[in-house]
């Protein structure tokens, strides 16, 4: 069941884009981490939002701070909402696992998106992060607190999450040229999210 759920992630969000827009919290509980991320980012004010969804609330917050956003997502129905709300930004239908934009960014964020990949695909993402970063670029992502698979539900369908062990994330970041700036496991000030902030060397 978990393997099938992992394969169905993009189609699930495509089918339930309206429900996601209705149910996604707008309280911006992520704000303190987004502020740390922007403080750590270096270079032009251009953010790559990996798994951007409909652009609200995270991309919207970056745009309000004067940043340009390139958002990528594999669900066209989610992107349609982002394009409609923020037509001046760049929204691309892409699978993050095969991302190759030929451009680096001052910051990369994969909030509540990267953790829908299998462990094997997560490992392959770190060279992708490095390819789209330059010295001083910040990287912000969420994971689980320990190695394993966690199944949730969204609109009555199974929702797949996976995580590597924290030590493996640290090793992957290091081997791809990132220094860990901060990490909090199950941050009580961020609705229990496990959050990683790193910077390209």
N, C-alpha and C. Protein backbone atom coordinates (compact mmCIF):
# COMPACT_ATOMS: atom_id res chain seq x y z
N UNK A 1 0.82 -1.21 0.00
CA UNK A 1 0.00 0.00 0.00
C UNK A 1 0.85 1.27 0.00
N UNK A 2 1.94 1.29 0.79
CA UNK A 2 2.75 2.50 0.88
C UNK A 2 3.42 2.82 -0.46
N UNK A 3 3.87 1.79 -1.17
CA UNK A 3 4.51 2.04 -2.47
C UNK A 3 3.52 2.67 -3.45
N UNK A 4 2.30 2.17 -3.47
CA UNK A 4 1.27 2.73 -4.34
C UNK A 4 0.96 4.16 -3.93
N UNK A 5 0.87 4.41 -2.63
CA UNK A 5 0.59 5.77 -2.15
C UNK A 5 1.70 6.73 -2.54
N UNK A 6 2.95 6.27 -2.50
CA UNK A 6 4.08 7.11 -2.91
C UNK A 6 3.96 7.48 -4.38
N UNK A 7 3.56 6.52 -5.22
CA UNK A 7 3.41 6.79 -6.65
C UNK A 7 2.24 7.72 -6.94
N UNK A 8 1.28 7.78 -6.03
CA UNK A 8 0.05 8.54 -6.27
C UNK A 8 0.07 9.96 -5.73
N UNK A 9 1.19 10.40 -5.16
CA UNK A 9 1.22 11.71 -4.51
C UNK A 9 0.78 12.83 -5.45
N UNK A 10 1.37 12.90 -6.63
CA UNK A 10 1.04 14.01 -7.53
C UNK A 10 -0.42 13.95 -7.99
N UNK A 11 -0.89 12.77 -8.29
CA UNK A 11 -2.28 12.66 -8.73
C UNK A 11 -3.24 12.97 -7.58
N UNK A 12 -2.86 12.64 -6.36
CA UNK A 12 -3.71 12.97 -5.20
C UNK A 12 -3.87 14.48 -5.08
N UNK A 13 -2.76 15.22 -5.15
CA UNK A 13 -2.84 16.68 -5.04
C UNK A 13 -3.54 17.29 -6.26
N UNK A 14 -3.40 16.67 -7.40
CA UNK A 14 -4.11 17.15 -8.58
C UNK A 14 -5.62 17.01 -8.38
N UNK A 15 -6.06 15.89 -7.88
CA UNK A 15 -7.50 15.65 -7.69
C UNK A 15 -8.08 16.52 -6.59
N UNK A 16 -7.27 16.83 -5.58
CA UNK A 16 -7.81 17.50 -4.40
C UNK A 16 -7.23 18.90 -4.21
N UNK A 17 -6.91 19.57 -5.31
CA UNK A 17 -6.35 20.92 -5.22
C UNK A 17 -7.30 21.88 -4.52
N UNK A 18 -8.59 21.76 -4.80
CA UNK A 18 -9.56 22.66 -4.17
C UNK A 18 -9.63 22.43 -2.67
N UNK A 19 -9.60 21.17 -2.26
CA UNK A 19 -9.64 20.85 -0.83
C UNK A 19 -8.38 21.35 -0.14
N UNK A 20 -7.24 21.20 -0.80
CA UNK A 20 -5.99 21.69 -0.21
C UNK A 20 -6.06 23.19 0.00
N UNK A 21 -6.55 23.93 -1.01
CA UNK A 21 -6.66 25.38 -0.88
C UNK A 21 -7.57 25.77 0.27
N UNK A 22 -8.61 24.98 0.50
CA UNK A 22 -9.56 25.28 1.57
C UNK A 22 -9.01 24.94 2.95
N UNK A 23 -8.23 23.85 3.02
CA UNK A 23 -7.83 23.32 4.32
C UNK A 23 -6.44 23.76 4.78
N UNK A 24 -5.60 24.19 3.85
CA UNK A 24 -4.22 24.55 4.21
C UNK A 24 -4.23 25.75 5.17
N UNK A 25 -3.55 25.61 6.30
CA UNK A 25 -3.51 26.69 7.29
C UNK A 25 -2.90 27.96 6.69
N UNK A 26 -3.53 29.09 6.98
CA UNK A 26 -3.03 30.38 6.52
C UNK A 26 -2.39 31.17 7.66
N UNK A 27 -2.18 30.55 8.80
CA UNK A 27 -1.67 31.28 9.97
C UNK A 27 -0.18 31.59 9.87
N UNK A 28 0.50 31.00 8.88
CA UNK A 28 1.94 31.16 8.68
C UNK A 28 2.72 30.80 9.95
N UNK A 29 2.42 29.61 10.47
CA UNK A 29 3.16 29.10 11.62
C UNK A 29 4.63 28.89 11.29
N UNK A 30 4.97 28.90 10.00
CA UNK A 30 6.36 28.71 9.55
C UNK A 30 7.19 29.99 9.61
N UNK A 31 6.59 31.10 9.96
CA UNK A 31 7.22 32.41 9.73
C UNK A 31 8.61 32.53 10.34
N UNK A 32 8.82 32.05 11.57
CA UNK A 32 10.13 32.22 12.19
C UNK A 32 11.21 31.50 11.38
N UNK A 33 10.88 30.33 10.82
CA UNK A 33 11.85 29.61 9.99
C UNK A 33 12.05 30.31 8.65
N UNK A 34 11.00 30.85 8.08
CA UNK A 34 11.15 31.59 6.82
C UNK A 34 12.03 32.81 7.01
N UNK A 35 11.90 33.47 8.14
CA UNK A 35 12.75 34.63 8.43
C UNK A 35 14.22 34.22 8.59
N UNK A 36 14.47 33.10 9.28
CA UNK A 36 15.84 32.60 9.40
C UNK A 36 16.41 32.25 8.03
N UNK A 37 15.58 31.65 7.21
CA UNK A 37 15.98 31.26 5.85
C UNK A 37 16.37 32.48 5.02
N UNK A 38 15.56 33.51 5.05
CA UNK A 38 15.90 34.71 4.27
C UNK A 38 17.15 35.37 4.81
N UNK A 39 17.34 35.36 6.12
CA UNK A 39 18.55 35.94 6.70
C UNK A 39 19.79 35.18 6.25
N UNK A 40 19.66 33.88 6.04
CA UNK A 40 20.81 33.06 5.64
C UNK A 40 21.06 33.09 4.13
N UNK A 41 20.07 33.47 3.34
CA UNK A 41 20.21 33.43 1.89
C UNK A 41 21.13 34.55 1.41
N UNK A 42 21.81 34.28 0.30
CA UNK A 42 22.82 35.21 -0.19
C UNK A 42 22.71 35.29 -1.71
N UNK A 43 22.85 36.50 -2.25
CA UNK A 43 22.80 36.67 -3.70
C UNK A 43 21.53 37.39 -4.11
N UNK A 44 21.14 37.23 -5.37
CA UNK A 44 19.93 37.89 -5.83
C UNK A 44 18.73 37.38 -5.07
N UNK A 45 17.70 38.20 -4.97
CA UNK A 45 16.52 37.85 -4.16
C UNK A 45 15.59 36.96 -4.98
N UNK A 46 16.01 35.72 -5.21
CA UNK A 46 15.26 34.81 -6.06
C UNK A 46 15.19 33.46 -5.37
N UNK A 47 13.97 33.05 -5.04
CA UNK A 47 13.72 31.83 -4.28
C UNK A 47 13.18 30.75 -5.20
N UNK A 48 13.68 29.52 -5.02
CA UNK A 48 13.12 28.35 -5.69
C UNK A 48 12.26 27.61 -4.68
N UNK A 49 10.96 27.56 -4.94
CA UNK A 49 10.00 26.89 -4.06
C UNK A 49 9.68 25.54 -4.67
N UNK A 50 10.21 24.48 -4.07
CA UNK A 50 10.14 23.12 -4.61
C UNK A 50 8.94 22.41 -4.01
N UNK A 51 7.92 22.18 -4.83
CA UNK A 51 6.65 21.67 -4.33
C UNK A 51 5.83 22.83 -3.79
N UNK A 52 5.68 23.85 -4.63
CA UNK A 52 5.09 25.13 -4.21
C UNK A 52 3.59 25.06 -3.99
N UNK A 53 2.93 24.03 -4.52
CA UNK A 53 1.48 23.96 -4.39
C UNK A 53 0.80 25.14 -5.06
N UNK A 54 -0.17 25.73 -4.36
CA UNK A 54 -0.91 26.85 -4.94
C UNK A 54 -0.29 28.21 -4.62
N UNK A 55 0.90 28.19 -4.00
CA UNK A 55 1.62 29.44 -3.73
C UNK A 55 1.23 30.15 -2.46
N UNK A 56 0.32 29.57 -1.71
CA UNK A 56 -0.17 30.21 -0.48
C UNK A 56 -0.06 29.20 0.67
N UNK A 57 0.51 29.62 1.80
CA UNK A 57 0.94 30.97 2.12
C UNK A 57 2.44 31.24 1.94
N UNK A 58 3.26 30.22 1.67
CA UNK A 58 4.70 30.41 1.75
C UNK A 58 5.23 31.28 0.61
N UNK A 59 4.98 30.92 -0.64
CA UNK A 59 5.45 31.76 -1.75
C UNK A 59 4.88 33.16 -1.63
N UNK A 60 3.63 33.26 -1.21
CA UNK A 60 3.00 34.57 -1.05
C UNK A 60 3.78 35.43 -0.08
N UNK A 61 4.27 34.82 1.00
CA UNK A 61 5.04 35.58 1.98
C UNK A 61 6.37 36.05 1.39
N UNK A 62 7.08 35.19 0.65
CA UNK A 62 8.32 35.61 0.01
C UNK A 62 8.07 36.77 -0.96
N UNK A 63 7.01 36.67 -1.73
CA UNK A 63 6.68 37.74 -2.69
C UNK A 63 6.43 39.05 -1.95
N UNK A 64 5.74 38.98 -0.82
CA UNK A 64 5.46 40.18 -0.03
C UNK A 64 6.74 40.80 0.53
N UNK A 65 7.79 39.99 0.69
CA UNK A 65 9.08 40.51 1.17
C UNK A 65 9.93 41.06 0.03
N UNK A 66 9.41 41.06 -1.18
CA UNK A 66 10.12 41.61 -2.33
C UNK A 66 10.98 40.62 -3.07
N UNK A 67 10.78 39.33 -2.83
CA UNK A 67 11.56 38.30 -3.51
C UNK A 67 10.84 37.82 -4.77
N UNK A 68 11.63 37.47 -5.77
CA UNK A 68 11.11 36.79 -6.95
C UNK A 68 11.03 35.30 -6.63
N UNK A 69 9.97 34.66 -7.07
CA UNK A 69 9.77 33.23 -6.79
C UNK A 69 9.67 32.45 -8.09
N UNK A 70 10.43 31.38 -8.18
CA UNK A 70 10.19 30.33 -9.16
C UNK A 70 9.61 29.15 -8.40
N UNK A 71 8.38 28.80 -8.71
CA UNK A 71 7.72 27.69 -8.03
C UNK A 71 7.60 26.50 -8.96
N UNK A 72 7.92 25.33 -8.45
CA UNK A 72 7.75 24.12 -9.24
C UNK A 72 6.85 23.14 -8.49
N UNK A 73 5.99 22.49 -9.26
CA UNK A 73 5.07 21.52 -8.68
C UNK A 73 4.64 20.57 -9.79
N UNK A 74 4.28 19.35 -9.42
CA UNK A 74 3.88 18.36 -10.40
C UNK A 74 2.38 18.24 -10.58
N UNK A 75 1.61 19.09 -9.89
CA UNK A 75 0.15 19.05 -9.98
C UNK A 75 -0.34 20.30 -10.70
N UNK A 76 -0.76 20.20 -11.96
CA UNK A 76 -1.18 21.38 -12.72
C UNK A 76 -2.31 22.17 -12.06
N UNK A 77 -3.22 21.49 -11.38
CA UNK A 77 -4.33 22.20 -10.75
C UNK A 77 -3.85 23.10 -9.62
N UNK A 78 -2.79 22.70 -8.94
CA UNK A 78 -2.22 23.55 -7.89
C UNK A 78 -1.53 24.76 -8.53
N UNK A 79 -0.75 24.51 -9.57
CA UNK A 79 -0.05 25.59 -10.24
C UNK A 79 -1.00 26.61 -10.85
N UNK A 80 -2.14 26.16 -11.34
CA UNK A 80 -3.11 27.08 -11.95
C UNK A 80 -3.54 28.13 -10.93
N UNK A 81 -3.70 27.74 -9.69
CA UNK A 81 -4.07 28.70 -8.65
C UNK A 81 -2.94 29.67 -8.37
N UNK A 82 -1.71 29.16 -8.35
CA UNK A 82 -0.55 30.04 -8.12
C UNK A 82 -0.42 31.05 -9.25
N UNK A 83 -0.55 30.59 -10.49
CA UNK A 83 -0.43 31.50 -11.64
C UNK A 83 -1.51 32.57 -11.63
N UNK A 84 -2.72 32.17 -11.26
CA UNK A 84 -3.83 33.12 -11.24
C UNK A 84 -3.62 34.20 -10.18
N UNK A 85 -3.10 33.81 -9.04
CA UNK A 85 -2.93 34.76 -7.94
C UNK A 85 -1.68 35.61 -8.10
N UNK A 86 -0.61 35.02 -8.64
CA UNK A 86 0.68 35.72 -8.73
C UNK A 86 1.23 35.62 -10.16
N UNK A 87 0.60 36.28 -11.12
CA UNK A 87 1.00 36.11 -12.53
C UNK A 87 2.40 36.63 -12.85
N UNK A 88 2.96 37.48 -12.00
CA UNK A 88 4.29 38.05 -12.28
C UNK A 88 5.42 37.10 -11.90
N UNK A 89 5.10 36.01 -11.21
CA UNK A 89 6.12 35.05 -10.80
C UNK A 89 6.20 33.91 -11.82
N UNK A 90 7.19 33.04 -11.65
CA UNK A 90 7.42 31.93 -12.58
C UNK A 90 6.96 30.63 -11.95
N UNK A 91 6.01 29.96 -12.61
CA UNK A 91 5.43 28.72 -12.09
C UNK A 91 5.61 27.63 -13.13
N UNK A 92 6.30 26.55 -12.76
CA UNK A 92 6.67 25.51 -13.72
C UNK A 92 6.15 24.16 -13.29
N UNK A 93 5.53 23.44 -14.23
CA UNK A 93 5.12 22.07 -13.95
C UNK A 93 6.33 21.16 -14.12
N UNK A 94 6.85 20.70 -12.99
CA UNK A 94 8.07 19.90 -12.98
C UNK A 94 7.98 18.87 -11.87
N UNK A 95 8.60 17.73 -12.08
CA UNK A 95 8.82 16.75 -11.03
C UNK A 95 10.16 17.09 -10.37
N UNK A 96 10.14 17.34 -9.08
CA UNK A 96 11.37 17.78 -8.41
C UNK A 96 12.52 16.79 -8.60
N UNK A 97 12.22 15.53 -8.79
CA UNK A 97 13.26 14.51 -8.89
C UNK A 97 14.09 14.64 -10.16
N UNK A 98 13.53 15.28 -11.17
CA UNK A 98 14.25 15.45 -12.44
C UNK A 98 14.53 16.92 -12.73
N UNK A 99 14.54 17.74 -11.71
CA UNK A 99 14.69 19.18 -11.89
C UNK A 99 16.09 19.52 -12.38
N UNK A 100 16.15 20.33 -13.44
CA UNK A 100 17.44 20.79 -13.99
C UNK A 100 17.18 22.10 -14.70
N UNK A 101 17.13 23.19 -13.94
CA UNK A 101 16.74 24.49 -14.48
C UNK A 101 17.91 25.27 -15.08
N UNK A 102 19.13 24.83 -14.81
CA UNK A 102 20.29 25.53 -15.35
C UNK A 102 20.51 26.90 -14.73
N UNK A 103 20.06 27.07 -13.50
CA UNK A 103 20.14 28.37 -12.82
C UNK A 103 20.25 28.13 -11.32
N UNK A 104 20.96 29.00 -10.63
CA UNK A 104 21.05 28.89 -9.17
C UNK A 104 20.21 29.99 -8.53
N UNK A 105 19.91 29.80 -7.26
CA UNK A 105 18.99 30.67 -6.54
C UNK A 105 19.61 31.08 -5.21
N UNK A 106 19.15 32.20 -4.68
CA UNK A 106 19.66 32.63 -3.37
C UNK A 106 19.13 31.75 -2.25
N UNK A 107 18.01 31.09 -2.49
CA UNK A 107 17.46 30.18 -1.50
C UNK A 107 16.56 29.14 -2.13
N UNK A 108 16.54 27.94 -1.55
CA UNK A 108 15.68 26.86 -1.98
C UNK A 108 14.86 26.40 -0.79
N UNK A 109 13.56 26.25 -0.98
CA UNK A 109 12.69 25.79 0.10
C UNK A 109 11.88 24.60 -0.40
N UNK A 110 11.81 23.55 0.42
CA UNK A 110 10.99 22.37 0.13
C UNK A 110 10.20 22.05 1.39
N UNK A 111 9.18 22.87 1.62
CA UNK A 111 8.41 22.78 2.86
C UNK A 111 7.22 21.84 2.66
N UNK A 112 7.17 20.78 3.44
CA UNK A 112 6.09 19.79 3.36
C UNK A 112 5.89 19.26 1.94
N UNK A 113 6.99 19.04 1.23
CA UNK A 113 6.90 18.51 -0.14
C UNK A 113 7.91 17.38 -0.34
N UNK A 114 9.16 17.68 -0.06
CA UNK A 114 10.25 16.71 -0.20
C UNK A 114 9.98 15.43 0.59
N UNK A 115 9.28 15.55 1.71
CA UNK A 115 9.07 14.38 2.56
C UNK A 115 8.01 13.42 2.03
N UNK A 116 7.39 13.77 0.89
CA UNK A 116 6.48 12.83 0.23
C UNK A 116 7.24 11.86 -0.68
N UNK A 117 8.53 12.07 -0.88
CA UNK A 117 9.33 11.18 -1.71
C UNK A 117 9.76 9.95 -0.92
N UNK A 118 10.02 8.87 -1.63
CA UNK A 118 10.60 7.69 -0.99
C UNK A 118 12.00 8.00 -0.48
N UNK A 119 12.51 7.18 0.40
CA UNK A 119 13.86 7.39 0.92
C UNK A 119 14.89 7.42 -0.21
N UNK A 120 14.76 6.51 -1.16
CA UNK A 120 15.70 6.47 -2.27
C UNK A 120 15.65 7.77 -3.08
N UNK A 121 14.45 8.27 -3.34
CA UNK A 121 14.33 9.51 -4.11
C UNK A 121 14.80 10.72 -3.30
N UNK A 122 14.60 10.69 -2.00
CA UNK A 122 15.12 11.79 -1.17
C UNK A 122 16.64 11.87 -1.27
N UNK A 123 17.30 10.73 -1.22
CA UNK A 123 18.77 10.75 -1.33
C UNK A 123 19.21 11.40 -2.64
N UNK A 124 18.48 11.13 -3.70
CA UNK A 124 18.84 11.67 -5.02
C UNK A 124 18.57 13.16 -5.13
N UNK A 125 17.80 13.72 -4.21
CA UNK A 125 17.48 15.15 -4.28
C UNK A 125 18.63 16.04 -3.85
N UNK A 126 19.55 15.54 -3.05
CA UNK A 126 20.59 16.43 -2.54
C UNK A 126 21.52 16.95 -3.63
N UNK A 127 21.90 16.15 -4.62
CA UNK A 127 22.62 16.73 -5.76
C UNK A 127 21.77 17.73 -6.55
N UNK A 128 20.46 17.53 -6.58
CA UNK A 128 19.57 18.50 -7.23
C UNK A 128 19.59 19.82 -6.47
N UNK A 129 19.52 19.75 -5.14
CA UNK A 129 19.63 20.97 -4.33
C UNK A 129 20.96 21.68 -4.63
N UNK A 130 22.04 20.92 -4.66
CA UNK A 130 23.36 21.51 -4.90
C UNK A 130 23.46 22.14 -6.28
N UNK A 131 22.87 21.49 -7.27
CA UNK A 131 22.92 21.98 -8.65
C UNK A 131 22.24 23.34 -8.80
N UNK A 132 21.26 23.62 -7.94
CA UNK A 132 20.50 24.86 -8.04
C UNK A 132 20.92 25.88 -6.98
N UNK A 133 22.08 25.66 -6.38
CA UNK A 133 22.61 26.54 -5.33
C UNK A 133 23.97 27.08 -5.72
N UNK A 134 24.31 28.22 -5.14
CA UNK A 134 25.67 28.75 -5.24
C UNK A 134 26.16 29.05 -3.83
N UNK A 135 27.39 29.44 -3.70
CA UNK A 135 27.94 29.72 -2.38
C UNK A 135 27.08 30.77 -1.67
N UNK A 136 26.63 30.42 -0.48
CA UNK A 136 25.77 31.31 0.29
C UNK A 136 24.29 31.04 0.15
N UNK A 137 23.89 30.20 -0.81
CA UNK A 137 22.46 29.88 -0.94
C UNK A 137 21.97 29.14 0.29
N UNK A 138 20.76 29.46 0.71
CA UNK A 138 20.14 28.79 1.85
C UNK A 138 19.23 27.67 1.36
N UNK A 139 19.09 26.63 2.17
CA UNK A 139 18.21 25.50 1.88
C UNK A 139 17.37 25.23 3.13
N UNK A 140 16.06 25.21 2.95
CA UNK A 140 15.13 24.95 4.04
C UNK A 140 14.22 23.79 3.63
N UNK A 141 14.15 22.75 4.46
CA UNK A 141 13.23 21.66 4.15
C UNK A 141 12.72 21.02 5.44
N UNK A 142 11.60 20.33 5.30
CA UNK A 142 11.03 19.59 6.42
C UNK A 142 11.18 18.09 6.17
N UNK A 143 11.31 17.36 7.24
CA UNK A 143 11.46 15.90 7.16
C UNK A 143 10.70 15.28 8.32
N UNK A 144 10.82 13.97 8.46
CA UNK A 144 10.37 13.33 9.68
C UNK A 144 11.49 13.34 10.71
N UNK A 145 11.21 12.97 11.95
CA UNK A 145 12.24 13.01 12.99
C UNK A 145 13.14 11.79 13.03
N UNK A 146 12.78 10.74 12.29
CA UNK A 146 13.55 9.49 12.34
C UNK A 146 13.32 8.72 11.06
N UNK A 147 14.20 7.75 10.81
CA UNK A 147 14.07 6.92 9.62
C UNK A 147 12.76 6.13 9.63
N UNK A 148 12.06 6.15 8.48
CA UNK A 148 10.86 5.34 8.39
C UNK A 148 9.79 5.96 7.50
N UNK A 149 8.69 5.25 7.38
CA UNK A 149 7.54 5.68 6.58
C UNK A 149 6.40 5.99 7.52
N UNK A 150 5.68 7.07 7.24
CA UNK A 150 4.49 7.44 8.01
C UNK A 150 3.34 7.66 7.04
N UNK A 151 2.25 6.99 7.25
CA UNK A 151 1.09 7.13 6.39
C UNK A 151 0.04 8.01 7.07
N UNK A 152 -0.41 9.00 6.32
CA UNK A 152 -1.51 9.82 6.78
C UNK A 152 -2.70 9.64 5.86
N UNK A 153 -3.62 10.60 5.92
CA UNK A 153 -4.78 10.61 5.02
C UNK A 153 -5.08 12.03 4.59
N UNK A 154 -5.53 12.16 3.36
CA UNK A 154 -6.02 13.45 2.87
C UNK A 154 -7.24 13.17 2.01
N UNK A 155 -8.35 13.78 2.37
CA UNK A 155 -9.61 13.58 1.66
C UNK A 155 -9.93 12.08 1.51
N UNK A 156 -9.66 11.33 2.57
CA UNK A 156 -10.01 9.93 2.61
C UNK A 156 -9.07 9.00 1.86
N UNK A 157 -7.97 9.55 1.33
CA UNK A 157 -7.00 8.73 0.58
C UNK A 157 -5.69 8.65 1.35
N UNK A 158 -4.95 7.55 1.19
CA UNK A 158 -3.67 7.43 1.90
C UNK A 158 -2.66 8.47 1.42
N UNK A 159 -1.96 9.08 2.37
CA UNK A 159 -0.99 10.13 2.09
C UNK A 159 0.37 9.68 2.60
N UNK A 160 1.32 9.55 1.70
CA UNK A 160 2.63 8.96 1.99
C UNK A 160 3.62 10.02 2.47
N UNK A 161 4.36 9.66 3.52
CA UNK A 161 5.50 10.46 3.99
C UNK A 161 6.64 9.49 4.30
N UNK A 162 7.86 9.93 4.09
CA UNK A 162 9.02 9.12 4.47
C UNK A 162 10.11 10.03 5.01
N UNK A 163 11.01 9.44 5.75
CA UNK A 163 12.13 10.20 6.30
C UNK A 163 13.36 9.32 6.39
N UNK A 164 14.51 9.94 6.22
CA UNK A 164 15.78 9.32 6.54
C UNK A 164 16.11 9.61 7.99
N UNK A 165 17.14 8.98 8.50
CA UNK A 165 17.62 9.28 9.85
C UNK A 165 18.31 10.64 9.84
N UNK A 166 18.25 11.39 10.95
CA UNK A 166 18.92 12.70 10.99
C UNK A 166 20.40 12.64 10.61
N UNK A 167 21.11 11.61 11.06
CA UNK A 167 22.53 11.51 10.72
C UNK A 167 22.74 11.35 9.22
N UNK A 168 21.81 10.67 8.53
CA UNK A 168 21.95 10.53 7.09
C UNK A 168 21.69 11.87 6.39
N UNK A 169 20.69 12.62 6.86
CA UNK A 169 20.48 13.95 6.28
C UNK A 169 21.73 14.82 6.44
N UNK A 170 22.32 14.77 7.63
CA UNK A 170 23.54 15.57 7.86
C UNK A 170 24.65 15.15 6.89
N UNK A 171 24.81 13.84 6.70
CA UNK A 171 25.86 13.34 5.82
C UNK A 171 25.59 13.74 4.37
N UNK A 172 24.35 13.66 3.94
CA UNK A 172 24.00 14.04 2.56
C UNK A 172 24.20 15.53 2.34
N UNK A 173 23.83 16.33 3.30
CA UNK A 173 24.06 17.78 3.19
C UNK A 173 25.56 18.06 3.08
N UNK A 174 26.34 17.46 3.96
CA UNK A 174 27.78 17.70 3.96
C UNK A 174 28.42 17.27 2.65
N UNK A 175 28.06 16.08 2.16
CA UNK A 175 28.69 15.57 0.94
C UNK A 175 28.29 16.35 -0.31
N UNK A 176 27.22 17.13 -0.20
CA UNK A 176 26.79 17.96 -1.33
C UNK A 176 27.08 19.44 -1.11
N UNK A 177 27.94 19.72 -0.14
CA UNK A 177 28.46 21.07 0.02
C UNK A 177 27.65 22.00 0.89
N UNK A 178 26.78 21.47 1.76
CA UNK A 178 25.96 22.31 2.63
C UNK A 178 26.40 22.17 4.08
N UNK A 179 26.39 23.29 4.79
CA UNK A 179 26.58 23.29 6.24
C UNK A 179 25.22 23.40 6.90
N UNK A 180 24.98 22.61 7.94
CA UNK A 180 23.74 22.72 8.70
C UNK A 180 23.83 23.94 9.62
N UNK A 181 22.89 24.86 9.46
CA UNK A 181 22.85 26.05 10.32
C UNK A 181 21.96 25.83 11.53
N UNK A 182 20.86 25.10 11.32
CA UNK A 182 19.93 24.88 12.42
C UNK A 182 19.05 23.68 12.06
N UNK A 183 18.66 22.94 13.06
CA UNK A 183 17.69 21.85 12.88
C UNK A 183 16.96 21.68 14.20
N UNK A 184 15.66 21.52 14.11
CA UNK A 184 14.85 21.26 15.31
C UNK A 184 13.93 20.09 14.99
N UNK A 185 14.03 19.05 15.81
CA UNK A 185 13.17 17.89 15.66
C UNK A 185 11.82 18.17 16.31
N UNK A 186 10.77 18.01 15.54
CA UNK A 186 9.40 18.18 16.04
C UNK A 186 9.27 19.50 16.81
N UNK A 187 9.59 20.57 16.14
CA UNK A 187 9.61 21.91 16.73
C UNK A 187 8.24 22.25 17.35
N UNK A 188 8.19 22.43 18.66
CA UNK A 188 6.90 22.73 19.30
C UNK A 188 6.35 24.10 18.91
N UNK A 189 7.22 24.98 18.43
CA UNK A 189 6.79 26.30 17.99
C UNK A 189 6.40 26.34 16.53
N UNK A 190 6.43 25.17 15.87
CA UNK A 190 6.09 25.09 14.44
C UNK A 190 5.22 23.86 14.19
N UNK A 191 4.20 23.71 15.01
CA UNK A 191 3.22 22.62 14.92
C UNK A 191 3.86 21.24 14.82
N UNK A 192 5.02 21.07 15.48
CA UNK A 192 5.66 19.76 15.52
C UNK A 192 6.46 19.39 14.28
N UNK A 193 6.68 20.33 13.37
CA UNK A 193 7.47 20.04 12.18
C UNK A 193 8.95 19.82 12.54
N UNK A 194 9.59 18.90 11.84
CA UNK A 194 11.04 18.77 11.92
C UNK A 194 11.62 19.57 10.76
N UNK A 195 12.46 20.54 11.09
CA UNK A 195 12.88 21.56 10.12
C UNK A 195 14.41 21.63 10.06
N UNK A 196 14.91 21.68 8.83
CA UNK A 196 16.35 21.79 8.57
C UNK A 196 16.64 23.09 7.81
N UNK A 197 17.66 23.81 8.28
CA UNK A 197 18.15 25.00 7.58
C UNK A 197 19.65 24.80 7.33
N UNK A 198 20.04 24.89 6.07
CA UNK A 198 21.45 24.69 5.70
C UNK A 198 21.86 25.79 4.74
N UNK A 199 23.17 25.88 4.50
CA UNK A 199 23.72 26.89 3.58
C UNK A 199 24.83 26.29 2.76
N UNK A 200 24.81 26.61 1.47
CA UNK A 200 25.84 26.10 0.57
C UNK A 200 27.17 26.75 0.89
N UNK A 201 28.22 25.92 0.94
CA UNK A 201 29.55 26.42 1.26
C UNK A 201 30.09 27.26 0.11
